[in-house]
Amino acid sequence: MTSTVSTSREILPPGPFGSPNAGASASASASFGHPQTAFSDVDEIELISVSWNQDYGCFAAGTSCGFRIYNCEPFKETFRRDLKSGGFRIVEMLFRCNILALVGAGDNSQYPPTKVIIWDDHQSRCIGEFAFRSDVRSVKLSRDRIVVVLEHKIYVYSFVDLKLLHQIETLANPRGLCCLSHHSSTSVLACPGLQRGQVRIEHFGLNMIKLINAHDSHIACFTLTLDGLLLATASTRGTLIRIFNTVDGTRLQEVRRGVDRAEIYSIALSPNVQWLAVASDKGTVHIFSLRVRVVGEDSSSSLSTPSQSTELLNHSSSFDTLISPSTGANPGSSLSFMRGKKDLFIIETLW
């Protein structure tokens, strides 16, 4: 599998959406129309994808005619870009800046699903392009890296010059499972390994790889904490969710979603690592109270201070004192919830 990278001009430092110098470039290689120029509100628009930005303060919606960006608090549509050539299957934001990674839907005549477009919305043009021989499954962005996920391989590029940094072979990954940490002091990537039930952890800052045999069945879903120190995983059985230390691979905790097989759609950890939410095809969201503790921190904080985190990164063995498994019983399952324990809440959903 090979990739082709092209740039139309140097990548400028990203700025926030809506800054005064935003505007269309006359030399743009490709541009989106202004809001509602290609479609009216009465036209039927299909929602294709939804993705959060890195701090969960806003999200992007890929539609059959372009994409839209929404702010969460207060909730409002920030802007939209519409085009006549088709929609976008992947819209990945970089925090709240003007840079986006876009992958077209199958019917997009201008942006095929085998290409990743790095879009600068201030200049209203493509500033970089990655072309592959197979469909792109997902894209992840951090301040210094662009990660492109194909079904059997992951490419990691530098955000500064778009040079290829790493190629990672994976087991078949049609869902495009991949996570990146977003803390300023850590750089961690999680992806499927080469064996069933295995998760590969890349600690770029430590130049270290950890393979975690998380489940006997294939991996269905996983997520990292913002600092990348904890990993939560679920298998295709969908009954157990496990929490791991990403540095030494220690299993810190295990919670049971239920006894029946379920397809896990999403796993989310709260910033303070007190809560774990799991959504599945059963029409419910399970919320677990976790007992994984960060040593030296109170319940309102999940991270050491920036200076402490930086110091810990320089000594990999120090991670052992940062994260430890809880003492006491495992949090309640759906059965213990029925007996009245408060470790788990189950929320019925409408989908």
Protein backbone atom coordinates (compact mmCIF):
# COMPACT_ATOMS: atom_id res chain seq x y z
CA MET A 1 0.00 0.00 0.00
CA THR A 2 1.41 3.38 -0.97
CA SER A 3 0.34 6.95 -0.43
CA THR A 4 0.87 10.17 -2.36
CA VAL A 5 1.14 13.55 -0.70
CA SER A 6 0.84 16.90 -2.40
CA THR A 7 0.72 20.45 -1.08
CA SER A 8 -0.45 23.58 -2.83
CA ARG A 9 1.55 25.92 -0.59
CA GLU A 10 3.21 25.87 2.81
CA ILE A 11 0.95 25.14 5.76
CA LEU A 12 0.38 28.31 7.73
CA PRO A 13 -0.04 28.35 11.52
CA PRO A 14 -3.68 27.55 12.29
CA GLY A 15 -5.94 30.23 13.67
CA PRO A 16 -9.42 30.17 15.17
CA PHE A 17 -12.54 30.11 13.04
CA GLY A 18 -13.96 33.51 12.30
CA SER A 19 -10.77 35.53 12.82
CA PRO A 20 -10.54 38.93 11.04
CA ASN A 21 -8.11 37.72 8.38
CA ALA A 22 -10.40 34.97 7.18
CA GLY A 23 -11.25 35.15 3.52
CA ALA A 24 -11.20 33.32 0.20
CA SER A 25 -7.98 33.12 -1.74
CA ALA A 26 -8.05 34.02 -5.40
CA SER A 27 -5.55 31.26 -6.12
CA ALA A 28 -7.48 28.59 -4.31
CA SER A 29 -7.18 25.16 -5.86
CA ALA A 30 -10.70 24.29 -4.76
CA SER A 31 -13.28 26.17 -2.76
CA PHE A 32 -16.62 25.61 -1.11
CA GLY A 33 -19.60 27.81 -1.72
CA HIS A 34 -20.85 30.20 0.90
CA PRO A 35 -23.64 28.91 3.15
CA GLN A 36 -26.80 27.91 1.27
CA THR A 37 -25.47 28.83 -2.15
CA ALA A 38 -25.69 25.28 -3.45
CA PHE A 39 -28.74 24.05 -1.54
CA SER A 40 -31.80 25.62 0.02
CA ASP A 41 -33.25 24.69 3.41
CA VAL A 42 -36.11 22.82 1.75
CA ASP A 43 -33.77 20.39 -0.01
CA GLU A 44 -33.41 17.00 1.62
CA ILE A 45 -29.96 16.75 3.24
CA GLU A 46 -28.66 13.47 4.61
CA LEU A 47 -26.50 13.35 7.74
CA ILE A 48 -23.48 11.11 7.03
CA SER A 49 -21.18 11.53 10.03
CA VAL A 50 -20.73 13.37 13.32
CA SER A 51 -17.41 13.84 15.11
CA TRP A 52 -16.22 15.79 18.15
CA ASN A 53 -13.25 18.10 18.19
CA GLN A 54 -10.41 17.31 20.60
CA ASP A 55 -11.76 19.21 23.63
CA TYR A 56 -15.42 18.24 23.00
CA GLY A 57 -16.41 21.90 22.86
CA CYS A 58 -17.83 21.61 19.35
CA PHE A 59 -18.53 19.00 16.70
CA ALA A 60 -18.59 18.61 12.94
CA ALA A 61 -21.38 17.08 10.88
CA GLY A 62 -20.66 15.67 7.45
CA THR A 63 -23.69 15.86 5.19
CA SER A 64 -24.64 14.83 1.67
CA CYS A 65 -23.88 18.36 0.47
CA GLY A 66 -20.90 19.50 2.57
CA PHE A 67 -20.27 19.95 6.28
CA ARG A 68 -21.40 22.02 9.24
CA ILE A 69 -19.66 23.04 12.48
CA TYR A 70 -21.60 23.38 15.74
CA ASN A 71 -20.66 24.91 19.08
CA CYS A 72 -21.85 22.99 22.16
CA GLU A 73 -22.17 25.66 24.85
CA PRO A 74 -24.13 27.61 23.90
CA PHE A 75 -25.44 25.28 21.23
CA LYS A 76 -25.43 26.92 17.82
CA GLU A 77 -24.31 26.34 14.25
CA THR A 78 -21.02 28.15 13.80
CA PHE A 79 -20.82 27.86 10.02
CA ARG A 80 -21.43 25.53 7.10
CA ARG A 81 -19.89 24.83 3.74
CA ASP A 82 -22.04 23.47 0.92
CA LEU A 83 -21.04 22.16 -2.49
CA LYS A 84 -22.75 20.54 -5.44
CA SER A 85 -20.26 17.74 -6.05
CA GLY A 86 -21.33 15.65 -3.04
CA GLY A 87 -20.86 15.21 0.68
CA PHE A 88 -18.20 14.24 3.21
CA ARG A 89 -17.93 10.98 5.09
CA ILE A 90 -15.19 12.26 7.41
CA VAL A 91 -14.86 15.78 8.81
CA GLU A 92 -12.11 16.01 11.42
CA MET A 93 -11.49 19.24 13.31
CA LEU A 94 -8.26 20.45 14.93
CA PHE A 95 -9.55 21.91 18.18
CA ARG A 96 -11.23 25.22 17.11
CA CYS A 97 -8.78 26.33 14.45
CA ASN A 98 -9.24 26.89 10.73
CA ILE A 99 -7.70 23.55 9.66
CA LEU A 100 -9.93 20.57 8.81
CA ALA A 101 -9.31 17.09 7.42
CA LEU A 102 -11.95 16.04 4.90
CA VAL A 103 -12.74 12.76 3.16
CA GLY A 104 -15.46 12.70 0.54
CA ALA A 105 -18.42 10.35 0.49
CA GLY A 106 -18.75 7.77 -2.26
CA ASP A 107 -20.89 10.01 -4.45
CA ASN A 108 -18.59 13.04 -4.18
CA SER A 109 -17.28 13.68 -7.70
CA GLN A 110 -14.60 16.14 -6.55
CA TYR A 111 -13.32 14.54 -3.34
CA PRO A 112 -13.17 10.71 -3.54
CA PRO A 113 -13.09 8.47 -0.42
CA THR A 114 -9.48 7.50 -1.19
CA LYS A 115 -8.15 11.01 -0.54
CA VAL A 116 -7.65 13.09 2.59
CA ILE A 117 -7.96 16.83 1.99
CA ILE A 118 -6.33 19.22 4.48
CA TRP A 119 -8.56 22.27 4.22
CA ASP A 120 -7.74 25.79 5.41
CA ASP A 121 -11.05 27.54 5.88
CA HIS A 122 -9.41 30.96 6.27
CA GLN A 123 -7.97 30.71 2.78
CA SER A 124 -10.93 28.64 1.53
CA ARG A 125 -8.66 26.18 -0.21
CA CYS A 126 -6.92 22.83 0.00
CA ILE A 127 -3.39 23.17 1.42
CA GLY A 128 -2.50 19.46 1.42
CA GLU A 129 -3.70 16.17 -0.01
CA PHE A 130 -3.04 12.49 0.76
CA ALA A 131 -4.02 9.97 -1.93
CA PHE A 132 -4.31 6.21 -1.30
CA ARG A 133 -5.25 3.11 -3.23
CA SER A 134 -8.08 2.13 -0.88
CA ASP A 135 -10.78 3.98 1.04
CA VAL A 136 -9.81 6.01 4.07
CA ARG A 137 -11.53 4.63 7.18
CA SER A 138 -10.79 7.48 9.58
CA VAL A 139 -8.53 10.49 10.19
CA LYS A 140 -7.21 11.79 13.50
CA LEU A 141 -5.49 15.12 14.09
CA SER A 142 -3.28 16.49 16.82
CA ARG A 143 -1.23 19.65 16.97
CA ASP A 144 1.80 17.93 15.46
CA ARG A 145 0.48 14.82 13.67
CA ILE A 146 -1.97 13.71 11.02
CA VAL A 147 -3.06 10.06 11.30
CA VAL A 148 -4.75 8.36 8.35
CA VAL A 149 -6.37 4.98 8.96
CA LEU A 150 -6.87 2.44 6.17
CA GLU A 151 -8.33 -1.02 6.66
CA HIS A 152 -4.96 -2.75 7.12
CA LYS A 153 -2.49 0.10 7.67
CA ILE A 154 -2.11 3.38 9.52
CA TYR A 155 0.01 6.28 8.23
CA VAL A 156 1.32 8.94 10.62
CA TYR A 157 2.47 12.26 9.11
CA SER A 158 4.06 15.39 10.48
CA PHE A 159 1.67 18.32 10.50
CA VAL A 160 4.48 20.78 9.79
CA ASP A 161 5.76 19.42 6.48
CA LEU A 162 3.40 16.45 5.80
CA LYS A 163 6.33 14.01 5.83
CA LEU A 164 5.61 10.38 6.62
CA LEU A 165 6.76 9.50 10.15
CA HIS A 166 5.36 6.00 10.79
CA GLN A 167 3.59 3.14 9.03
CA ILE A 168 1.71 0.71 11.27
CA GLU A 169 0.33 -2.63 10.10
CA THR A 170 -2.96 -3.66 11.75
CA LEU A 171 -5.47 -6.45 11.71
CA ALA A 172 -8.48 -5.79 9.43
CA ASN A 173 -9.92 -2.52 10.72
CA PRO A 174 -13.04 -1.66 8.68
CA ARG A 175 -14.32 0.69 11.40
CA GLY A 176 -11.14 2.74 11.33
CA LEU A 177 -10.54 2.32 15.06
CA CYS A 178 -7.82 4.71 16.25
CA CYS A 179 -7.32 7.18 19.11
CA LEU A 180 -4.86 10.01 19.74
CA SER A 181 -4.07 11.70 23.04
CA HIS A 182 -4.47 15.47 23.15
CA HIS A 183 -2.63 16.52 26.30
CA SER A 184 0.23 18.94 25.75
CA SER A 185 2.72 16.73 27.61
CA THR A 186 1.94 13.35 26.05
CA SER A 187 1.72 11.92 22.55
CA VAL A 188 -0.02 8.54 22.49
CA LEU A 189 -1.73 6.60 19.71
CA ALA A 190 -3.93 3.52 20.16
CA CYS A 191 -4.87 1.21 17.29
CA PRO A 192 -5.68 -2.48 16.68
CA GLY A 193 -2.71 -4.84 16.82
CA LEU A 194 -1.95 -7.75 14.53
CA GLN A 195 -3.71 -10.33 16.70
CA ARG A 196 -7.37 -10.75 17.62
CA GLY A 197 -8.31 -8.75 20.70
CA GLN A 198 -5.00 -6.87 20.76
CA VAL A 199 -4.51 -3.10 21.05
CA ARG A 200 -1.23 -1.47 20.07
CA ILE A 201 -0.11 1.60 22.02
CA GLU A 202 2.45 3.97 20.51
CA HIS A 203 4.07 6.33 23.02
CA PHE A 204 5.74 8.70 20.57
CA GLY A 205 7.29 10.87 23.26
CA LEU A 206 8.85 7.86 25.00
CA ASN A 207 9.68 6.05 21.73
CA MET A 208 7.94 3.01 23.18
CA ILE A 209 5.39 0.47 21.91
CA LYS A 210 3.09 -1.53 24.20
CA LEU A 211 0.90 -4.41 23.02
CA ILE A 212 -2.14 -5.05 25.21
CA ASN A 213 -4.09 -8.30 24.83
CA ALA A 214 -7.36 -6.78 25.91
CA HIS A 215 -9.95 -9.41 24.88
CA ASP A 216 -10.30 -12.91 23.49
CA SER A 217 -12.69 -11.66 20.79
CA HIS A 218 -12.04 -8.97 18.18
CA ILE A 219 -11.88 -5.36 19.36
CA ALA A 220 -15.11 -3.46 18.72
CA CYS A 221 -14.38 -0.10 20.33
CA PHE A 222 -11.82 1.69 22.49
CA THR A 223 -10.94 5.14 23.73
CA LEU A 224 -8.06 6.94 25.46
CA THR A 225 -8.11 9.52 28.20
CA LEU A 226 -7.01 12.97 27.03
CA ASP A 227 -3.50 12.35 28.36
CA GLY A 228 -3.32 8.87 26.80
CA LEU A 229 -2.42 7.15 30.08
CA LEU A 230 -5.62 5.10 30.31
CA LEU A 231 -7.33 2.92 27.69
CA ALA A 232 -10.92 1.62 27.81
CA THR A 233 -11.79 -1.29 25.50
CA ALA A 234 -14.75 -3.43 24.46
CA SER A 235 -14.87 -6.54 22.29
CA THR A 236 -17.39 -7.71 19.72
CA ARG A 237 -19.15 -9.65 22.49
CA GLY A 238 -19.98 -6.33 24.14
CA THR A 239 -20.39 -7.66 27.67
CA LEU A 240 -17.21 -6.43 29.36
CA ILE A 241 -15.40 -3.08 29.28
CA ARG A 242 -11.82 -3.07 30.55
CA ILE A 243 -9.54 -0.24 31.68
CA PHE A 244 -5.78 -0.50 31.13
CA ASN A 245 -2.65 1.43 32.00
CA THR A 246 -1.17 2.20 28.58
CA VAL A 247 2.42 2.33 29.82
CA ASP A 248 2.79 -1.14 31.37
CA GLY A 249 -0.40 -2.76 30.03
CA THR A 250 -1.82 -3.49 33.48
CA ARG A 251 -5.56 -4.12 33.60
CA LEU A 252 -6.81 -1.71 36.23
CA GLN A 253 -10.52 -2.41 36.21
CA GLU A 254 -13.28 -4.37 34.50
CA VAL A 255 -17.00 -3.55 34.38
CA ARG A 256 -19.86 -5.60 32.97
CA ARG A 257 -22.37 -4.02 30.62
CA GLY A 258 -24.63 -7.09 30.64
CA VAL A 259 -24.76 -10.80 29.94
CA ASP A 260 -26.20 -10.70 26.42
CA ARG A 261 -24.07 -10.00 23.36
CA ALA A 262 -24.27 -6.37 22.22
CA GLU A 263 -22.66 -4.20 19.57
CA ILE A 264 -20.80 -1.38 21.28
CA TYR A 265 -21.09 1.89 19.36
CA SER A 266 -19.14 4.23 21.62
CA ILE A 267 -17.10 4.42 24.83
CA ALA A 268 -16.43 7.69 26.64
CA LEU A 269 -14.38 8.50 29.75
CA SER A 270 -15.00 11.63 31.79
CA PRO A 271 -12.01 14.01 32.07
CA ASN A 272 -11.57 13.15 35.76
CA VAL A 273 -11.80 9.39 35.01
CA GLN A 274 -14.65 8.99 37.50
CA TRP A 275 -17.25 7.94 34.93
CA LEU A 276 -17.42 5.61 31.96
CA ALA A 277 -20.28 5.74 29.43
CA VAL A 278 -21.03 2.93 26.98
CA ALA A 279 -23.58 3.09 24.14
CA SER A 280 -24.76 -0.03 22.33
CA ASP A 281 -27.34 -1.37 19.89
CA LYS A 282 -29.60 -2.26 22.84
CA GLY A 283 -30.94 1.29 22.85
CA THR A 284 -29.29 2.11 26.17
CA VAL A 285 -26.36 4.10 27.51
CA HIS A 286 -24.70 2.50 30.55
CA ILE A 287 -22.85 4.84 32.92
CA PHE A 288 -20.37 3.26 35.30
CA SER A 289 -18.70 4.76 38.33
CA LEU A 290 -14.98 3.98 38.06
CA ARG A 291 -12.53 3.37 40.87
CA VAL A 292 -9.35 3.89 38.90
CA ARG A 293 -7.47 6.54 40.83
CA VAL A 294 -4.66 8.90 39.91
CA VAL A 295 -2.26 8.88 42.83
CA GLY A 296 -1.78 12.22 44.55
CA GLU A 297 -4.88 13.80 43.01
CA ASP A 298 -8.26 14.52 44.50
CA SER A 299 -11.51 13.43 42.87
CA SER A 300 -11.89 16.64 40.86
CA SER A 301 -8.74 16.24 38.79
CA SER A 302 -7.46 13.46 36.53
CA LEU A 303 -4.00 14.82 35.74
CA SER A 304 -0.94 15.99 37.56
CA THR A 305 0.07 19.59 37.10
CA PRO A 306 1.77 20.31 33.75
CA SER A 307 5.18 20.42 35.41
CA GLN A 308 4.57 17.07 37.11
CA SER A 309 3.32 15.48 33.89
CA THR A 310 6.39 16.67 31.99
CA GLU A 311 8.68 15.28 34.66
CA LEU A 312 6.91 11.93 34.60
CA LEU A 313 7.28 11.68 30.85
CA ASN A 314 11.04 11.78 31.24
CA HIS A 315 10.96 8.72 33.48
CA SER A 316 8.73 5.95 32.18
CA SER A 317 8.91 4.05 35.46
CA SER A 318 7.29 7.02 37.20
CA PHE A 319 4.01 6.20 35.47
CA ASP A 320 3.61 3.34 37.93
CA THR A 321 3.12 5.89 40.71
CA LEU A 322 0.75 8.01 38.65
CA ILE A 323 -1.91 5.39 37.94
CA SER A 324 -2.96 2.50 40.10
CA PRO A 325 -5.89 0.07 40.24
CA SER A 326 -8.58 0.75 42.75
CA THR A 327 -9.08 -1.27 45.88
CA GLY A 328 -12.46 -2.77 46.64
CA ALA A 329 -15.14 -4.51 44.68
CA ASN A 330 -15.79 -4.22 40.99
CA PRO A 331 -18.46 -1.62 40.07
CA GLY A 332 -21.97 -2.93 39.69
CA SER A 333 -23.24 -4.62 36.56
CA SER A 334 -26.73 -4.34 35.15
CA LEU A 335 -27.77 -7.05 37.64
CA SER A 336 -26.44 -5.16 40.63
CA PHE A 337 -28.20 -2.07 39.33
CA MET A 338 -31.47 -3.98 39.55
CA ARG A 339 -30.68 -4.71 43.19
CA GLY A 340 -30.54 -0.98 43.86
CA LYS A 341 -26.80 -0.26 43.86
CA LYS A 342 -25.75 3.14 42.55
CA ASP A 343 -22.56 2.20 40.72
CA LEU A 344 -24.36 2.08 37.40
CA PHE A 345 -27.11 4.05 35.70
CA ILE A 346 -28.88 2.86 32.57
CA ILE A 347 -30.38 5.50 30.28
CA GLU A 348 -32.92 4.47 27.64
CA THR A 349 -32.31 6.15 24.29
CA LEU A 350 -34.61 6.89 21.39
CA TRP A 351 -32.50 5.44 18.56
